[in-house]
């Protein structure tokens, strides 16, 4: 077991995997896009739990899987890929500390790409059949890594964990791409998660099938309802829903 920490957060590694080069973040966010996509990656690739992210500042809770208590923020991995996913809404006051902890852990482990998956709230989502994916980059040279998977987000604002992670990665020279997919704001959106996964497939040269995710869309929405409610409360405190309506302050 290996521990590393920052600002009250600590990463507990229960299994060593020195070959990991890509970290995928799936935190509760707009439409739960990242969480749904990351959970599907873990299930499809049969990734094993290799660690958790702990903090005394998080709400006092655990999650049960197969009757066994688990930390709500866990790390799964195999070969070159690790996935961070959270089954609890993370208070906005803790996001900066969490972002710093994740990026410093990635830098220490010489991660070659930090890939964060999130949603981009759009008011006309019900009229969009195939949600578009946009990318924000920690450095311009990563544009070629996209392989046409997403449009570049040239101007705008990113509120929350993913904005903090992207900025910290830029400061620490950790290559990072944040994918934001058009989605509902406070409604679980497995179709947007599928679009995000198609982009991940292009970037990482994977073949993750999204048909199961689409087929079980309604079931996923029902199961994710409570998580979306808790996440919406935290997003409202951060004014998360208005970030893409704000014009850039300068060109």
C-alpha atoms as a PDB file:
ATOM      1  CA  UNK A   1       0.000   0.000   0.000  1.00  0.00           C
ATOM      2  CA  UNK A   2       1.351   3.419  -0.973  1.00  0.00           C
ATOM      3  CA  UNK A   3       0.089   6.807   0.182  1.00  0.00           C
ATOM      4  CA  UNK A   4       0.420  10.230  -1.410  1.00  0.00           C
ATOM      5  CA  UNK A   5      -1.463  13.356  -0.439  1.00  0.00           C
ATOM      6  CA  UNK A   6      -2.096  17.070  -0.784  1.00  0.00           C
ATOM      7  CA  UNK A   7      -4.285  19.612   1.033  1.00  0.00           C
ATOM      8  CA  UNK A   8      -6.214  17.055   3.045  1.00  0.00           C
ATOM      9  CA  UNK A   9      -6.647  14.519   0.234  1.00  0.00           C
ATOM     10  CA  UNK A  10      -4.597  11.352   0.009  1.00  0.00           C
ATOM     11  CA  UNK A  11      -4.385   8.705  -2.675  1.00  0.00           C
ATOM     12  CA  UNK A  12      -4.155   5.179  -1.303  1.00  0.00           C
ATOM     13  CA  UNK A  13      -2.705   2.794  -3.893  1.00  0.00           C
ATOM     14  CA  UNK A  14      -3.635  -0.785  -3.040  1.00  0.00           C
ATOM     15  CA  UNK A  15      -2.059  -2.296  -6.151  1.00  0.00           C
ATOM     16  CA  UNK A  16       1.024  -1.229  -8.060  1.00  0.00           C
ATOM     17  CA  UNK A  17       0.694  -0.618 -11.794  1.00  0.00           C
ATOM     18  CA  UNK A  18       3.824   1.163 -13.079  1.00  0.00           C
ATOM     19  CA  UNK A  19       2.735   0.853 -16.733  1.00  0.00           C
ATOM     20  CA  UNK A  20      -0.140   3.361 -16.417  1.00  0.00           C
ATOM     21  CA  UNK A  21       0.321   6.271 -18.814  1.00  0.00           C
ATOM     22  CA  UNK A  22      -3.247   7.616 -19.179  1.00  0.00           C
ATOM     23  CA  UNK A  23      -5.606   8.726 -16.413  1.00  0.00           C
ATOM     24  CA  UNK A  24      -9.301   9.199 -17.242  1.00  0.00           C
ATOM     25  CA  UNK A  25     -11.327  11.311 -14.817  1.00  0.00           C
ATOM     26  CA  UNK A  26     -15.060  10.673 -14.446  1.00  0.00           C
ATOM     27  CA  UNK A  27     -16.370  12.970 -11.729  1.00  0.00           C
ATOM     28  CA  UNK A  28     -20.046  13.897 -11.159  1.00  0.00           C
ATOM     29  CA  UNK A  29     -20.760  16.896 -13.352  1.00  0.00           C
ATOM     30  CA  UNK A  30     -23.231  18.233 -15.920  1.00  0.00           C
ATOM     31  CA  UNK A  31     -25.500  15.378 -17.075  1.00  0.00           C
ATOM     32  CA  UNK A  32     -23.261  12.925 -15.193  1.00  0.00           C
ATOM     33  CA  UNK A  33     -21.503  12.513 -18.547  1.00  0.00           C
ATOM     34  CA  UNK A  34     -18.078  11.800 -17.061  1.00  0.00           C
ATOM     35  CA  UNK A  35     -19.312   9.412 -14.394  1.00  0.00           C
ATOM     36  CA  UNK A  36     -21.453   7.395 -16.833  1.00  0.00           C
ATOM     37  CA  UNK A  37     -18.681   7.234 -19.436  1.00  0.00           C
ATOM     38  CA  UNK A  38     -15.988   6.308 -16.896  1.00  0.00           C
ATOM     39  CA  UNK A  39     -18.177   3.623 -15.312  1.00  0.00           C
ATOM     40  CA  UNK A  40     -18.760   2.110 -18.764  1.00  0.00           C
ATOM     41  CA  UNK A  41     -15.008   2.085 -19.432  1.00  0.00           C
ATOM     42  CA  UNK A  42     -14.351   0.288 -16.138  1.00  0.00           C
ATOM     43  CA  UNK A  43     -17.052  -2.322 -16.857  1.00  0.00           C
ATOM     44  CA  UNK A  44     -16.119  -2.873 -20.512  1.00  0.00           C
ATOM     45  CA  UNK A  45     -12.358  -3.152 -19.994  1.00  0.00           C
ATOM     46  CA  UNK A  46     -12.868  -5.069 -16.715  1.00  0.00           C
ATOM     47  CA  UNK A  47     -10.529  -2.735 -14.866  1.00  0.00           C
ATOM     48  CA  UNK A  48      -9.607  -3.728 -11.331  1.00  0.00           C
ATOM     49  CA  UNK A  49      -9.700  -1.461  -8.301  1.00  0.00           C
ATOM     50  CA  UNK A  50      -6.148  -0.275  -7.628  1.00  0.00           C
ATOM     51  CA  UNK A  51      -6.699   2.527  -5.134  1.00  0.00           C
ATOM     52  CA  UNK A  52      -8.920   5.169  -3.604  1.00  0.00           C
ATOM     53  CA  UNK A  53      -8.922   8.872  -2.838  1.00  0.00           C
ATOM     54  CA  UNK A  54      -9.541   9.605   0.820  1.00  0.00           C
ATOM     55  CA  UNK A  55     -10.199  12.769   2.807  1.00  0.00           C
ATOM     56  CA  UNK A  56     -11.567  13.555   6.242  1.00  0.00           C
ATOM     57  CA  UNK A  57     -13.217  16.589   4.617  1.00  0.00           C
ATOM     58  CA  UNK A  58     -15.534  14.458   2.463  1.00  0.00           C
ATOM     59  CA  UNK A  59     -19.044  13.589   3.708  1.00  0.00           C
ATOM     60  CA  UNK A  60     -18.915  10.609   6.134  1.00  0.00           C
ATOM     61  CA  UNK A  61     -20.133   7.886   3.796  1.00  0.00           C
ATOM     62  CA  UNK A  62     -19.159   4.659   2.094  1.00  0.00           C
ATOM     63  CA  UNK A  63     -20.680   2.783  -0.836  1.00  0.00           C
ATOM     64  CA  UNK A  64     -21.528  -0.909  -0.856  1.00  0.00           C
ATOM     65  CA  UNK A  65     -20.690  -3.191  -3.772  1.00  0.00           C
ATOM     66  CA  UNK A  66     -21.433  -6.881  -3.361  1.00  0.00           C
ATOM     67  CA  UNK A  67     -22.001  -6.201   0.319  1.00  0.00           C
ATOM     68  CA  UNK A  68     -18.442  -4.894   0.742  1.00  0.00           C
ATOM     69  CA  UNK A  69     -17.796  -1.291   1.899  1.00  0.00           C
ATOM     70  CA  UNK A  70     -15.878   0.832  -0.588  1.00  0.00           C
ATOM     71  CA  UNK A  71     -14.576   4.391  -0.719  1.00  0.00           C
ATOM     72  CA  UNK A  72     -16.832   6.634  -2.844  1.00  0.00           C
ATOM     73  CA  UNK A  73     -13.868   7.909  -4.914  1.00  0.00           C
ATOM     74  CA  UNK A  74     -11.866   5.060  -6.351  1.00  0.00           C
ATOM     75  CA  UNK A  75      -9.190   4.370  -8.953  1.00  0.00           C
ATOM     76  CA  UNK A  76      -9.417   1.454 -11.383  1.00  0.00           C
ATOM     77  CA  UNK A  77      -6.707   0.352 -13.752  1.00  0.00           C
ATOM     78  CA  UNK A  78      -5.049  -2.218 -15.949  1.00  0.00           C
ATOM     79  CA  UNK A  79      -2.077  -1.997 -18.297  1.00  0.00           C
ATOM     80  CA  UNK A  80      -1.747   1.618 -19.489  1.00  0.00           C
ATOM     81  CA  UNK A  81      -5.117   3.020 -18.357  1.00  0.00           C
ATOM     82  CA  UNK A  82      -6.354   4.202 -14.964  1.00  0.00           C
ATOM     83  CA  UNK A  83      -9.858   5.561 -14.356  1.00  0.00           C
ATOM     84  CA  UNK A  84     -10.807   7.824 -11.461  1.00  0.00           C
ATOM     85  CA  UNK A  85     -14.520   7.897 -10.685  1.00  0.00           C
ATOM     86  CA  UNK A  86     -16.563   9.276  -7.831  1.00  0.00           C
ATOM     87  CA  UNK A  87     -19.864   7.888  -6.635  1.00  0.00           C
ATOM     88  CA  UNK A  88     -20.507  10.916  -4.472  1.00  0.00           C
ATOM     89  CA  UNK A  89     -21.091  14.563  -5.316  1.00  0.00           C
ATOM     90  CA  UNK A  90     -17.960  16.483  -4.298  1.00  0.00           C
ATOM     91  CA  UNK A  91     -18.492  19.775  -2.450  1.00  0.00           C
ATOM     92  CA  UNK A  92     -17.253  22.749  -4.445  1.00  0.00           C
ATOM     93  CA  UNK A  93     -15.076  23.900  -1.546  1.00  0.00           C
ATOM     94  CA  UNK A  94     -12.990  20.728  -1.885  1.00  0.00           C
ATOM     95  CA  UNK A  95     -12.497  20.704  -5.660  1.00  0.00           C
ATOM     96  CA  UNK A  96      -9.265  22.710  -5.696  1.00  0.00           C
ATOM     97  CA  UNK A  97      -7.646  20.378  -3.169  1.00  0.00           C
ATOM     98  CA  UNK A  98      -8.836  17.326  -5.093  1.00  0.00           C
ATOM     99  CA  UNK A  99      -7.531  18.728  -8.386  1.00  0.00           C
ATOM    100  CA  UNK A 100      -4.131  19.503  -6.862  1.00  0.00           C
ATOM    101  CA  UNK A 101      -3.908  16.013  -5.378  1.00  0.00           C
ATOM    102  CA  UNK A 102      -4.792  14.303  -8.669  1.00  0.00           C
ATOM    103  CA  UNK A 103      -2.367  16.337 -10.769  1.00  0.00           C
ATOM    104  CA  UNK A 104       0.532  15.961  -8.357  1.00  0.00           C
ATOM    105  CA  UNK A 105      -0.093  12.202  -8.259  1.00  0.00           C
ATOM    106  CA  UNK A 106      -0.139  12.141 -12.076  1.00  0.00           C
ATOM    107  CA  UNK A 107       3.093  14.128 -12.279  1.00  0.00           C
ATOM    108  CA  UNK A 108       4.832  11.897  -9.752  1.00  0.00           C
ATOM    109  CA  UNK A 109       3.816   8.839 -11.777  1.00  0.00           C
ATOM    110  CA  UNK A 110       4.901  10.482 -15.071  1.00  0.00           C
ATOM    111  CA  UNK A 111       1.434  10.191 -16.598  1.00  0.00           C
ATOM    112  CA  UNK A 112       1.508  11.032 -20.303  1.00  0.00           C
ATOM    113  CA  UNK A 113      -2.113  12.175 -20.575  1.00  0.00           C
ATOM    114  CA  UNK A 114      -4.776  13.348 -18.132  1.00  0.00           C
ATOM    115  CA  UNK A 115      -8.123  12.921 -19.904  1.00  0.00           C
ATOM    116  CA  UNK A 116     -11.170  14.423 -18.162  1.00  0.00           C
ATOM    117  CA  UNK A 117     -14.732  13.717 -19.309  1.00  0.00           C
ATOM    118  CA  UNK A 118     -17.563  16.150 -18.606  1.00  0.00           C
ATOM    119  CA  UNK A 119     -20.745  17.675 -19.940  1.00  0.00           C
ATOM    120  CA  UNK A 120     -21.537  20.996 -21.585  1.00  0.00           C
ATOM    121  CA  UNK A 121     -25.065  22.152 -20.783  1.00  0.00           C
ATOM    122  CA  UNK A 122     -27.038  23.276 -23.840  1.00  0.00           C
ATOM    123  CA  UNK A 123     -30.597  24.583 -23.694  1.00  0.00           C
ATOM    124  CA  UNK A 124     -31.719  22.805 -26.873  1.00  0.00           C
ATOM    125  CA  UNK A 125     -30.329  19.379 -25.926  1.00  0.00           C
ATOM    126  CA  UNK A 126     -33.676  17.698 -26.700  1.00  0.00           C
ATOM    127  CA  UNK A 127     -33.258  18.748 -30.353  1.00  0.00           C
ATOM    128  CA  UNK A 128     -29.729  17.329 -30.693  1.00  0.00           C
ATOM    129  CA  UNK A 129     -29.550  13.752 -31.931  1.00  0.00           C
ATOM    130  CA  UNK A 130     -25.770  13.367 -31.861  1.00  0.00           C
ATOM    131  CA  UNK A 131     -24.173  15.499 -29.114  1.00  0.00           C
ATOM    132  CA  UNK A 132     -20.975  17.231 -30.202  1.00  0.00           C
ATOM    133  CA  UNK A 133     -17.770  16.940 -28.221  1.00  0.00           C
ATOM    134  CA  UNK A 134     -15.481  19.896 -27.504  1.00  0.00           C
ATOM    135  CA  UNK A 135     -11.930  19.803 -26.180  1.00  0.00           C
ATOM    136  CA  UNK A 136      -9.920  22.132 -23.973  1.00  0.00           C
ATOM    137  CA  UNK A 137      -6.161  21.529 -23.959  1.00  0.00           C
ATOM    138  CA  UNK A 138      -3.385  22.182 -21.468  1.00  0.00           C
ATOM    139  CA  UNK A 139      -1.062  22.890 -24.391  1.00  0.00           C
ATOM    140  CA  UNK A 140      -1.601  23.584 -28.086  1.00  0.00           C
ATOM    141  CA  UNK A 141       0.552  20.662 -29.225  1.00  0.00           C
ATOM    142  CA  UNK A 142      -2.103  18.222 -27.973  1.00  0.00           C
ATOM    143  CA  UNK A 143      -4.447  19.228 -30.793  1.00  0.00           C
ATOM    144  CA  UNK A 144      -3.000  16.539 -33.069  1.00  0.00           C
ATOM    145  CA  UNK A 145      -3.635  13.941 -30.330  1.00  0.00           C
ATOM    146  CA  UNK A 146      -7.374  14.484 -30.777  1.00  0.00           C
ATOM    147  CA  UNK A 147      -7.424  12.678 -34.151  1.00  0.00           C
ATOM    148  CA  UNK A 148     -10.504  14.687 -35.120  1.00  0.00           C
ATOM    149  CA  UNK A 149     -12.428  13.416 -32.085  1.00  0.00           C
ATOM    150  CA  UNK A 150     -13.538  16.862 -30.884  1.00  0.00           C
ATOM    151  CA  UNK A 151     -13.730  20.522 -31.804  1.00  0.00           C
ATOM    152  CA  UNK A 152     -11.355  22.848 -29.987  1.00  0.00           C
ATOM    153  CA  UNK A 153     -12.963  25.080 -27.374  1.00  0.00           C
ATOM    154  CA  UNK A 154     -11.103  28.300 -28.183  1.00  0.00           C
ATOM    155  CA  UNK A 155     -12.850  30.676 -25.755  1.00  0.00           C
ATOM    156  CA  UNK A 156     -15.073  30.320 -22.712  1.00  0.00           C
ATOM    157  CA  UNK A 157     -15.174  29.297 -19.070  1.00  0.00           C
ATOM    158  CA  UNK A 158     -14.927  25.949 -17.313  1.00  0.00           C
ATOM    159  CA  UNK A 159     -16.314  25.936 -13.775  1.00  0.00           C
ATOM    160  CA  UNK A 160     -15.482  23.177 -11.302  1.00  0.00           C
ATOM    161  CA  UNK A 161     -13.004  20.340 -10.960  1.00  0.00           C
ATOM    162  CA  UNK A 162     -12.142  19.978 -14.626  1.00  0.00           C
ATOM    163  CA  UNK A 163     -11.209  23.628 -15.045  1.00  0.00           C
ATOM    164  CA  UNK A 164      -8.977  23.400 -11.982  1.00  0.00           C
ATOM    165  CA  UNK A 165      -7.395  20.137 -13.171  1.00  0.00           C
ATOM    166  CA  UNK A 166      -6.698  21.584 -16.623  1.00  0.00           C
ATOM    167  CA  UNK A 167      -5.058  24.720 -15.229  1.00  0.00           C
ATOM    168  CA  UNK A 168      -2.978  22.770 -12.711  1.00  0.00           C
ATOM    169  CA  UNK A 169      -1.850  20.392 -15.475  1.00  0.00           C
ATOM    170  CA  UNK A 170      -0.773  23.371 -17.604  1.00  0.00           C
ATOM    171  CA  UNK A 171       1.201  24.777 -14.657  1.00  0.00           C
ATOM    172  CA  UNK A 172       2.873  21.429 -13.915  1.00  0.00           C
ATOM    173  CA  UNK A 173       3.491  20.473 -17.590  1.00  0.00           C
ATOM    174  CA  UNK A 174       1.235  17.408 -17.359  1.00  0.00           C
ATOM    175  CA  UNK A 175      -0.417  16.884 -20.791  1.00  0.00           C
ATOM    176  CA  UNK A 176      -4.178  17.178 -20.334  1.00  0.00           C
ATOM    177  CA  UNK A 177      -7.307  17.128 -22.471  1.00  0.00           C
ATOM    178  CA  UNK A 178     -10.754  17.946 -21.114  1.00  0.00           C
ATOM    179  CA  UNK A 179     -13.642  16.670 -23.251  1.00  0.00           C
ATOM    180  CA  UNK A 180     -16.969  18.468 -22.812  1.00  0.00           C
ATOM    181  CA  UNK A 181     -19.983  16.922 -24.524  1.00  0.00           C
ATOM    182  CA  UNK A 182     -23.268  18.686 -25.237  1.00  0.00           C
ATOM    183  CA  UNK A 183     -25.723  17.424 -22.641  1.00  0.00           C
ATOM    184  CA  UNK A 184     -28.648  18.125 -20.371  1.00  0.00           C
ATOM    185  CA  UNK A 185     -27.706  20.166 -17.324  1.00  0.00           C
ATOM    186  CA  UNK A 186     -29.447  18.335 -14.474  1.00  0.00           C
ATOM    187  CA  UNK A 187     -30.673  15.172 -16.221  1.00  0.00           C
ATOM    188  CA  UNK A 188     -28.488  12.032 -16.570  1.00  0.00           C
ATOM    189  CA  UNK A 189     -27.443  11.836 -20.209  1.00  0.00           C
ATOM    190  CA  UNK A 190     -26.145   8.396 -21.308  1.00  0.00           C
ATOM    191  CA  UNK A 191     -26.378   9.435 -24.985  1.00  0.00           C
ATOM    192  CA  UNK A 192     -23.926  12.274 -24.329  1.00  0.00           C
ATOM    193  CA  UNK A 193     -21.721   9.797 -22.431  1.00  0.00           C
ATOM    194  CA  UNK A 194     -21.747   7.580 -25.541  1.00  0.00           C
ATOM    195  CA  UNK A 195     -20.581  10.508 -27.694  1.00  0.00           C
ATOM    196  CA  UNK A 196     -17.804  11.187 -25.176  1.00  0.00           C
ATOM    197  CA  UNK A 197     -16.731   7.537 -25.352  1.00  0.00           C
ATOM    198  CA  UNK A 198     -16.605   7.628 -29.137  1.00  0.00           C
ATOM    199  CA  UNK A 199     -14.167  10.530 -28.794  1.00  0.00           C
ATOM    200  CA  UNK A 200     -12.129   8.602 -26.209  1.00  0.00           C
ATOM    201  CA  UNK A 201     -11.943   5.680 -28.648  1.00  0.00           C
ATOM    202  CA  UNK A 202     -10.380   7.937 -31.302  1.00  0.00           C
ATOM    203  CA  UNK A 203      -7.936   9.613 -28.938  1.00  0.00           C
ATOM    204  CA  UNK A 204      -6.716   6.428 -27.240  1.00  0.00           C
ATOM    205  CA  UNK A 205      -7.275   4.021 -30.144  1.00  0.00           C
ATOM    206  CA  UNK A 206      -9.734   1.930 -28.132  1.00  0.00           C
ATOM    207  CA  UNK A 207     -12.793  -0.036 -29.224  1.00  0.00           C
ATOM    208  CA  UNK A 208     -15.233   0.500 -26.394  1.00  0.00           C
ATOM    209  CA  UNK A 209     -18.715  -0.481 -27.576  1.00  0.00           C
ATOM    210  CA  UNK A 210     -21.357   2.094 -26.581  1.00  0.00           C
ATOM    211  CA  UNK A 211     -24.408   0.094 -27.717  1.00  0.00           C
ATOM    212  CA  UNK A 212     -25.070  -1.321 -24.245  1.00  0.00           C
ATOM    213  CA  UNK A 213     -24.903   2.171 -22.791  1.00  0.00           C
ATOM    214  CA  UNK A 214     -27.452   3.430 -25.321  1.00  0.00           C
ATOM    215  CA  UNK A 215     -29.709   0.400 -24.983  1.00  0.00           C
ATOM    216  CA  UNK A 216     -29.947   0.808 -21.211  1.00  0.00           C
ATOM    217  CA  UNK A 217     -30.385   4.566 -21.379  1.00  0.00           C
ATOM    218  CA  UNK A 218     -33.689   4.757 -19.491  1.00  0.00           C
ATOM    219  CA  UNK A 219     -32.530   2.299 -16.816  1.00  0.00           C
ATOM    220  CA  UNK A 220     -29.360   4.334 -16.335  1.00  0.00           C
ATOM    221  CA  UNK A 221     -31.349   7.553 -16.017  1.00  0.00           C
ATOM    222  CA  UNK A 222     -33.512   6.053 -13.276  1.00  0.00           C
ATOM    223  CA  UNK A 223     -30.556   4.585 -11.362  1.00  0.00           C
ATOM    224  CA  UNK A 224     -28.658   7.877 -11.590  1.00  0.00           C
ATOM    225  CA  UNK A 225     -31.536  10.106 -10.512  1.00  0.00           C
ATOM    226  CA  UNK A 226     -30.441  10.545  -6.875  1.00  0.00           C
ATOM    227  CA  UNK A 227     -26.800  11.103  -7.828  1.00  0.00           C
ATOM    228  CA  UNK A 228     -27.869  13.745 -10.350  1.00  0.00           C
ATOM    229  CA  UNK A 229     -29.953  15.489  -7.694  1.00  0.00           C
ATOM    230  CA  UNK A 230     -27.010  15.690  -5.274  1.00  0.00           C
ATOM    231  CA  UNK A 231     -24.662  16.785  -8.050  1.00  0.00           C
ATOM    232  CA  UNK A 232     -27.122  19.453  -9.193  1.00  0.00           C
ATOM    233  CA  UNK A 233     -27.144  20.954  -5.694  1.00  0.00           C
ATOM    234  CA  UNK A 234     -23.350  21.286  -5.735  1.00  0.00           C
ATOM    235  CA  UNK A 235     -23.312  22.679  -9.279  1.00  0.00           C
ATOM    236  CA  UNK A 236     -25.911  25.282  -8.343  1.00  0.00           C
ATOM    237  CA  UNK A 237     -23.667  26.513  -5.525  1.00  0.00           C
ATOM    238  CA  UNK A 238     -20.872  27.045  -8.107  1.00  0.00           C
ATOM    239  CA  UNK A 239     -23.148  28.673 -10.744  1.00  0.00           C
ATOM    240  CA  UNK A 240     -22.062  25.817 -12.990  1.00  0.00           C
ATOM    241  CA  UNK A 241     -25.072  26.117 -15.295  1.00  0.00           C
ATOM    242  CA  UNK A 242     -24.117  29.579 -16.530  1.00  0.00           C
ATOM    243  CA  UNK A 243     -20.488  29.049 -17.507  1.00  0.00           C
ATOM    244  CA  UNK A 244     -21.113  28.563 -21.220  1.00  0.00           C
ATOM    245  CA  UNK A 245     -23.501  31.533 -21.427  1.00  0.00           C
ATOM    246  CA  UNK A 246     -20.792  33.981 -20.373  1.00  0.00           C
ATOM    247  CA  UNK A 247     -19.005  35.832 -23.212  1.00  0.00           C
ATOM    248  CA  UNK A 248     -15.199  36.011 -23.196  1.00  0.00           C
ATOM    249  CA  UNK A 249     -13.907  39.187 -21.609  1.00  0.00           C
ATOM    250  CA  UNK A 250     -11.406  39.773 -24.377  1.00  0.00           C
ATOM    251  CA  UNK A 251     -10.483  38.378 -27.778  1.00  0.00           C
END
